[in-house]
Amino acid sequence: MKAVLCKAYGPPESLVIEDVPSPRAEAGQVVISVKAAGVNFPDLLVIQNKYQFKPPLPFSPGGEVAGIVKEVGAGVTNVKVGDRVLASTGFGGFAEEVAAPAARCIQFPANMDFVQASAFVMTYGTSHHALKDRAKLRKGETLLVLGAAGGVGLAAVEIGKVMGARVIAACSSQEKVDLCIRRGADAGVVYPTGNLDRDAQKKLADDFKKVLGGDGADVIYDGVGGAYAEPALRSIAWEGRYLVVGFPAGIPSLPLNLTLLKGCQIVGVFWGAFTARDPKGNQANLNELMEWVRDGKLKPYVSKTYKFTEVAEALNDMDARKVMGKIVLTP
């Protein structure tokens, strides 16, 4: 079979496509014939040795796939050969076949195709855990989402609406804000790109407060970080919850006196660790998400698909912040 391989850490152009042996299903595993593989920001980081998870070289990136079960190992009872499944693999997904723990395989509804299924579990799993478990978002609250047109951001917009929140989408362009509004956001803010000096940060905080109205945001979902974090925190409501999700703009430094003045919480979100520490809780969350998919309340937005031979282009587009929603590789 063919696989995209990282044989030495480097930029996306350093990835190669080679023939490698097909995997076999060990006890508790399945082998999936991959029909589509979701592309996520950690895929870009892991090939550059910038991610907290470091698979041994050589490896294939790709943490989520959708396909058809080809083989099942001993003890597997939740899926069978021929089932359509999506799976969280950690790595190895940019390949024609991948071995995955059966416990991480989920059969998906008939109203979802392989491309949509491959773009689902990481982004929606992360955002659902963030809003339900970490923020305990309540109906009628106001949710501000930074980076709202990206994969996890757009999932947060959609899940926030399903949970009954008023959702404000913050993005780097009007085009991205418009996409979020089409996907359910109530309003949006366009924030500047590039270096934000103190004056620009102050103006952005004022812009956030203006569109939020009232006391500010009850929950802030920050998948951006960098210089955008402090202006967002300044717009949080009393006893608000600030969700730390990711740092593509850099790891921010925050004045902690704001947490005292606002009586607010800064809450970390690490979905990957949650899935390992509380597998039953994660399964319950995934069951709820799948029910929402069946009911037509959620539908992943995939803006573009790429062939495996275009993997460098896909990762570079993600690095350049050109991606809206999710992008997907197909063998």
Protein backbone atom coordinates (compact mmCIF):
# COMPACT_ATOMS: atom_id res chain seq x y z
CA MET A 1 0.00 0.00 0.00
CA LYS A 2 1.03 3.63 -0.39
CA ALA A 3 1.55 5.97 2.55
CA VAL A 4 2.64 9.56 3.13
CA LEU A 5 5.78 9.31 5.27
CA CYS A 6 7.72 11.65 7.49
CA LYS A 7 11.23 10.16 7.39
CA ALA A 8 12.99 13.23 8.79
CA TYR A 9 11.51 16.25 10.59
CA GLY A 10 10.95 19.22 8.32
CA PRO A 11 8.45 21.26 6.31
CA PRO A 12 5.55 19.69 4.38
CA GLU A 13 7.73 19.47 1.25
CA SER A 14 9.94 16.94 3.03
CA LEU A 15 7.13 14.35 3.14
CA VAL A 16 7.39 11.46 0.70
CA ILE A 17 4.97 8.86 -0.65
CA GLU A 18 6.25 5.29 -0.62
CA ASP A 19 5.02 1.70 -0.75
CA VAL A 20 4.97 0.12 2.70
CA PRO A 21 3.65 -3.23 3.98
CA SER A 22 -0.06 -3.37 4.76
CA PRO A 23 -0.78 -3.44 8.51
CA ARG A 24 -2.28 -6.47 10.24
CA ALA A 25 -4.88 -6.32 12.96
CA GLU A 26 -3.48 -7.32 16.35
CA ALA A 27 -5.73 -8.19 19.29
CA GLY A 28 -8.20 -5.38 19.91
CA GLN A 29 -7.41 -3.69 16.59
CA VAL A 30 -8.99 -3.32 13.17
CA VAL A 31 -7.46 -2.52 9.80
CA ILE A 32 -9.31 0.21 7.91
CA SER A 33 -9.21 0.77 4.15
CA VAL A 34 -8.93 4.54 4.21
CA LYS A 35 -11.36 6.49 2.00
CA ALA A 36 -10.60 9.92 3.46
CA ALA A 37 -8.29 11.40 6.10
CA GLY A 38 -8.92 14.66 7.93
CA VAL A 39 -6.11 17.24 8.05
CA ASN A 40 -5.53 19.02 11.36
CA PHE A 41 -3.06 21.58 12.70
CA PRO A 42 -1.24 18.96 14.82
CA ASP A 43 -0.33 17.16 11.58
CA LEU A 44 1.70 20.21 10.60
CA LEU A 45 3.35 20.44 14.02
CA VAL A 46 4.21 16.75 14.40
CA ILE A 47 6.20 16.55 11.15
CA GLN A 48 8.31 19.49 12.38
CA ASN A 49 8.89 17.97 15.83
CA LYS A 50 6.90 20.80 17.42
CA TYR A 51 4.09 18.74 18.94
CA GLN A 52 3.86 17.20 22.41
CA PHE A 53 3.21 13.78 20.87
CA LYS A 54 6.25 12.39 19.03
CA PRO A 55 5.79 9.13 17.08
CA PRO A 56 9.02 7.33 16.14
CA LEU A 57 10.46 8.01 12.69
CA PRO A 58 9.50 7.11 10.04
CA PHE A 59 5.77 7.62 10.49
CA SER A 60 2.71 8.68 8.55
CA PRO A 61 0.90 11.73 9.94
CA GLY A 62 -2.87 11.87 10.03
CA GLY A 63 -4.88 11.54 13.22
CA GLU A 64 -8.37 10.81 11.92
CA VAL A 65 -9.75 8.70 9.08
CA ALA A 66 -12.94 7.31 7.63
CA GLY A 67 -13.14 4.10 5.67
CA ILE A 68 -14.25 0.48 5.58
CA VAL A 69 -13.16 -2.19 8.05
CA LYS A 70 -10.94 -4.66 6.16
CA GLU A 71 -9.82 -6.92 9.02
CA VAL A 72 -10.57 -7.35 12.71
CA GLY A 73 -8.25 -8.70 15.39
CA ALA A 74 -8.96 -11.05 18.24
CA GLY A 75 -11.51 -9.86 20.77
CA VAL A 76 -13.10 -7.19 18.57
CA THR A 77 -16.89 -7.15 18.91
CA ASN A 78 -18.01 -3.56 18.31
CA VAL A 79 -17.36 -3.55 14.53
CA LYS A 80 -17.05 -6.15 11.78
CA VAL A 81 -15.51 -6.46 8.31
CA GLY A 82 -17.37 -4.23 5.85
CA ASP A 83 -18.56 -1.64 8.38
CA ARG A 84 -18.18 2.05 7.57
CA VAL A 85 -16.26 3.63 10.43
CA LEU A 86 -14.49 6.79 11.44
CA ALA A 87 -11.52 6.51 13.77
CA SER A 88 -9.15 8.61 15.82
CA THR A 89 -5.72 7.15 15.08
CA GLY A 90 -3.25 9.62 16.61
CA PHE A 91 -1.02 9.18 13.57
CA GLY A 92 -0.79 6.87 10.54
CA GLY A 93 -3.91 8.11 8.79
CA PHE A 94 -2.30 9.48 5.62
CA ALA A 95 -2.13 6.00 4.12
CA GLU A 96 -4.28 3.64 2.07
CA GLU A 97 -4.71 1.42 5.13
CA VAL A 98 -4.27 1.96 8.84
CA ALA A 99 -4.48 -0.19 11.96
CA ALA A 100 -6.49 1.40 14.75
CA PRO A 101 -7.79 0.37 18.18
CA ALA A 102 -11.30 -0.99 17.75
CA ALA A 103 -12.39 1.08 20.75
CA ARG A 104 -11.66 4.23 18.75
CA CYS A 105 -13.79 3.17 15.79
CA ILE A 106 -17.31 4.53 15.43
CA GLN A 107 -19.91 3.59 12.86
CA PHE A 108 -21.34 6.77 11.39
CA PRO A 109 -24.84 7.59 10.15
CA ALA A 110 -25.99 7.06 6.57
CA ASN A 111 -26.50 10.81 6.10
CA MET A 112 -22.72 11.34 6.47
CA ASP A 113 -20.24 10.47 3.68
CA PHE A 114 -16.59 9.40 4.08
CA VAL A 115 -15.20 12.90 3.53
CA GLN A 116 -17.49 14.43 6.16
CA ALA A 117 -16.83 11.56 8.57
CA SER A 118 -13.06 11.98 8.30
CA ALA A 119 -13.45 15.65 9.23
CA PHE A 120 -15.52 15.04 12.32
CA VAL A 121 -14.09 13.33 15.36
CA MET A 122 -11.14 15.56 16.35
CA THR A 123 -12.75 18.94 15.81
CA TYR A 124 -16.24 18.12 17.08
CA GLY A 125 -14.87 15.90 19.86
CA THR A 126 -12.61 18.73 21.05
CA SER A 127 -15.26 21.44 20.87
CA HIS A 128 -17.99 19.33 22.45
CA HIS A 129 -15.70 18.40 25.37
CA ALA A 130 -14.69 22.05 25.72
CA LEU A 131 -18.20 23.47 25.80
CA LYS A 132 -19.98 20.67 27.66
CA ASP A 133 -17.41 19.35 30.14
CA ARG A 134 -15.00 22.22 30.65
CA ALA A 135 -17.17 25.34 30.23
CA LYS A 136 -20.51 23.78 31.18
CA LEU A 137 -22.14 26.09 28.65
CA ARG A 138 -25.77 26.84 29.48
CA LYS A 139 -28.71 27.73 27.27
CA GLY A 140 -29.00 31.49 26.81
CA GLU A 141 -25.35 32.25 27.56
CA THR A 142 -23.12 34.19 25.16
CA LEU A 143 -20.20 32.34 23.55
CA LEU A 144 -17.31 34.13 21.81
CA VAL A 145 -15.29 31.90 19.46
CA LEU A 146 -11.83 33.02 18.29
CA GLY A 147 -10.65 31.50 15.01
CA ALA A 148 -14.28 30.63 14.39
CA ALA A 149 -13.90 29.67 10.72
CA GLY A 150 -11.25 27.02 11.40
CA GLY A 151 -11.94 23.36 12.08
CA VAL A 152 -12.43 23.39 15.85
CA GLY A 153 -13.80 26.95 15.74
CA LEU A 154 -16.59 26.19 13.29
CA ALA A 155 -17.44 23.05 15.27
CA ALA A 156 -17.67 25.23 18.40
CA VAL A 157 -20.00 27.63 16.58
CA GLU A 158 -22.32 24.80 15.53
CA ILE A 159 -22.25 22.97 18.87
CA GLY A 160 -22.77 26.23 20.75
CA LYS A 161 -25.96 26.84 18.78
CA VAL A 162 -27.19 23.28 19.36
CA MET A 163 -26.63 23.86 23.09
CA GLY A 164 -28.73 27.03 22.97
CA ALA A 165 -26.06 29.73 23.24
CA ARG A 166 -25.83 33.09 21.52
CA VAL A 167 -22.68 32.71 19.41
CA ILE A 168 -20.31 35.47 18.29
CA ALA A 169 -17.72 34.45 15.68
CA ALA A 170 -14.34 36.23 15.62
CA CYS A 171 -12.31 35.74 12.43
CA SER A 172 -9.53 37.32 10.37
CA SER A 173 -11.75 38.28 7.40
CA GLN A 174 -15.34 39.19 6.58
CA GLU A 175 -15.51 36.16 4.28
CA LYS A 176 -14.82 33.90 7.25
CA VAL A 177 -17.33 35.72 9.46
CA ASP A 178 -19.95 35.32 6.73
CA LEU A 179 -19.29 31.57 6.61
CA CYS A 180 -19.78 31.33 10.37
CA ILE A 181 -23.06 33.24 10.18
CA ARG A 182 -24.26 30.87 7.46
CA ARG A 183 -23.37 28.00 9.82
CA GLY A 184 -25.39 29.47 12.68
CA ALA A 185 -23.42 32.27 14.39
CA ASP A 186 -25.53 35.23 15.51
CA ALA A 187 -22.94 37.91 14.74
CA GLY A 188 -19.23 38.32 14.10
CA VAL A 189 -16.11 40.41 14.58
CA VAL A 190 -13.24 40.79 12.09
CA TYR A 191 -9.94 41.03 13.96
CA PRO A 192 -6.69 42.38 12.46
CA THR A 193 -3.83 40.14 11.40
CA GLY A 194 -0.10 40.65 11.87
CA ASN A 195 1.54 42.20 14.93
CA LEU A 196 -0.93 43.76 17.36
CA ASP A 197 0.55 46.60 19.41
CA ARG A 198 -1.07 47.81 22.64
CA ASP A 199 -3.32 50.29 20.84
CA ALA A 200 -4.52 47.61 18.43
CA GLN A 201 -5.19 45.23 21.32
CA LYS A 202 -7.18 47.89 23.16
CA LYS A 203 -9.28 48.59 20.06
CA LEU A 204 -9.90 44.87 19.58
CA ALA A 205 -11.08 44.55 23.19
CA ASP A 206 -13.49 47.44 22.55
CA ASP A 207 -14.70 45.75 19.34
CA PHE A 208 -15.35 42.52 21.22
CA LYS A 209 -17.28 44.34 23.97
CA LYS A 210 -19.36 46.26 21.43
CA VAL A 211 -20.59 43.21 19.55
CA LEU A 212 -21.00 41.11 22.71
CA GLY A 213 -23.07 43.73 24.47
CA GLY A 214 -24.39 43.32 27.99
CA ASP A 215 -21.83 42.05 30.46
CA GLY A 216 -19.64 40.37 27.82
CA ALA A 217 -18.97 36.73 26.96
CA ASP A 218 -19.99 34.04 29.41
CA VAL A 219 -17.67 31.61 27.62
CA ILE A 220 -14.68 32.38 25.40
CA TYR A 221 -13.37 29.61 23.16
CA ASP A 222 -9.77 30.50 22.25
CA GLY A 223 -8.25 28.35 19.55
CA VAL A 224 -5.87 31.14 18.46
CA GLY A 225 -3.81 32.45 21.37
CA GLY A 226 -1.10 35.05 20.81
CA ALA A 227 -1.94 38.74 21.04
CA TYR A 228 -5.67 38.00 20.65
CA ALA A 229 -5.99 36.37 24.06
CA GLU A 230 -5.77 39.44 26.31
CA PRO A 231 -8.33 41.54 24.36
CA ALA A 232 -10.72 38.59 24.49
CA LEU A 233 -10.18 38.08 28.22
CA ARG A 234 -10.94 41.78 28.81
CA SER A 235 -14.36 41.20 27.22
CA ILE A 236 -15.35 38.27 29.47
CA ALA A 237 -18.38 38.48 31.75
CA TRP A 238 -18.41 38.13 35.52
CA GLU A 239 -17.76 34.46 36.39
CA GLY A 240 -17.04 33.72 32.74
CA ARG A 241 -15.02 30.72 31.57
CA TYR A 242 -12.06 31.22 29.25
CA LEU A 243 -11.26 28.03 27.32
CA VAL A 244 -7.62 27.53 26.30
CA VAL A 245 -7.77 25.32 23.19
CA GLY A 246 -4.76 26.08 20.97
CA PHE A 247 -1.98 28.51 20.08
CA PRO A 248 -1.42 28.88 16.30
CA ALA A 249 -0.72 32.60 16.91
CA GLY A 250 1.66 31.83 19.79
CA ILE A 251 1.41 31.10 23.51
CA PRO A 252 0.02 34.22 25.22
CA SER A 253 0.95 35.88 28.48
CA LEU A 254 -2.10 37.09 30.39
CA PRO A 255 -2.38 39.63 33.23
CA LEU A 256 -3.89 37.47 35.95
CA ASN A 257 -5.35 40.47 37.75
CA LEU A 258 -8.10 40.32 35.11
CA THR A 259 -9.25 36.98 36.49
CA LEU A 260 -9.64 38.58 39.90
CA LEU A 261 -11.51 41.62 38.56
CA LYS A 262 -13.84 39.44 36.46
CA GLY A 263 -14.18 36.58 38.94
CA CYS A 264 -13.54 34.34 35.92
CA GLN A 265 -11.86 31.03 35.27
CA ILE A 266 -9.13 30.10 32.77
CA VAL A 267 -9.80 26.50 31.80
CA GLY A 268 -7.51 24.18 29.83
CA VAL A 269 -8.94 21.92 27.14
CA PHE A 270 -6.98 18.78 26.19
CA TRP A 271 -9.39 16.45 24.45
CA GLY A 272 -6.74 13.84 23.68
CA ALA A 273 -5.89 13.40 27.36
CA PHE A 274 -9.60 13.34 28.24
CA THR A 275 -10.24 10.46 25.83
CA ALA A 276 -7.51 8.43 27.54
CA ARG A 277 -8.43 9.32 31.12
CA ASP A 278 -12.22 9.04 30.76
CA PRO A 279 -13.03 6.72 27.84
CA LYS A 280 -16.60 6.16 29.04
CA GLY A 281 -17.23 9.88 29.24
CA ASN A 282 -15.73 10.37 25.81
CA GLN A 283 -17.89 7.59 24.36
CA ALA A 284 -21.00 9.18 25.84
CA ASN A 285 -20.02 12.49 24.25
CA LEU A 286 -19.44 10.85 20.86
CA ASN A 287 -22.81 9.11 21.09
CA GLU A 288 -24.48 12.47 21.68
CA LEU A 289 -22.61 14.02 18.74
CA MET A 290 -23.68 11.17 16.44
CA GLU A 291 -27.28 11.62 17.53
CA TRP A 292 -27.04 15.28 16.55
CA VAL A 293 -25.61 14.24 13.17
CA ARG A 294 -28.49 11.80 12.61
CA ASP A 295 -30.95 14.56 13.48
CA GLY A 296 -29.31 16.92 10.97
CA LYS A 297 -28.17 19.36 13.66
CA LEU A 298 -24.46 18.99 12.80
CA LYS A 299 -22.76 18.61 9.42
CA PRO A 300 -19.00 19.12 8.99
CA TYR A 301 -18.01 21.79 6.50
CA VAL A 302 -15.20 20.60 4.21
CA SER A 303 -13.91 23.45 2.06
CA LYS A 304 -11.50 21.42 -0.08
CA THR A 305 -10.22 17.89 -0.68
CA TYR A 306 -6.66 17.05 -1.76
CA LYS A 307 -5.05 13.92 -3.15
CA PHE A 308 -2.25 12.28 -1.16
CA THR A 309 0.18 13.66 -3.75
CA GLU A 310 -1.01 17.16 -2.74
CA VAL A 311 -0.32 16.71 0.98
CA ALA A 312 2.32 19.48 1.07
CA GLU A 313 -0.11 21.93 -0.51
CA ALA A 314 -2.80 20.98 2.01
CA LEU A 315 -0.52 21.48 5.02
CA ASN A 316 0.89 24.73 3.64
CA ASP A 317 -2.63 26.07 3.08
CA MET A 318 -3.39 25.28 6.72
CA ASP A 319 -0.17 26.95 7.86
CA ALA A 320 -1.03 30.07 5.82
CA ARG A 321 -4.50 30.26 7.47
CA LYS A 322 -6.20 29.79 4.08
CA VAL A 323 -8.44 26.99 5.31
CA MET A 324 -12.07 27.48 6.26
CA GLY A 325 -13.75 24.63 8.09
CA LYS A 326 -11.87 21.41 7.39
CA ILE A 327 -9.72 20.04 4.57
CA VAL A 328 -9.40 16.35 3.76
CA LEU A 329 -6.95 14.05 1.95
CA THR A 330 -8.22 11.21 -0.24
CA PRO A 331 -6.02 8.30 -1.42
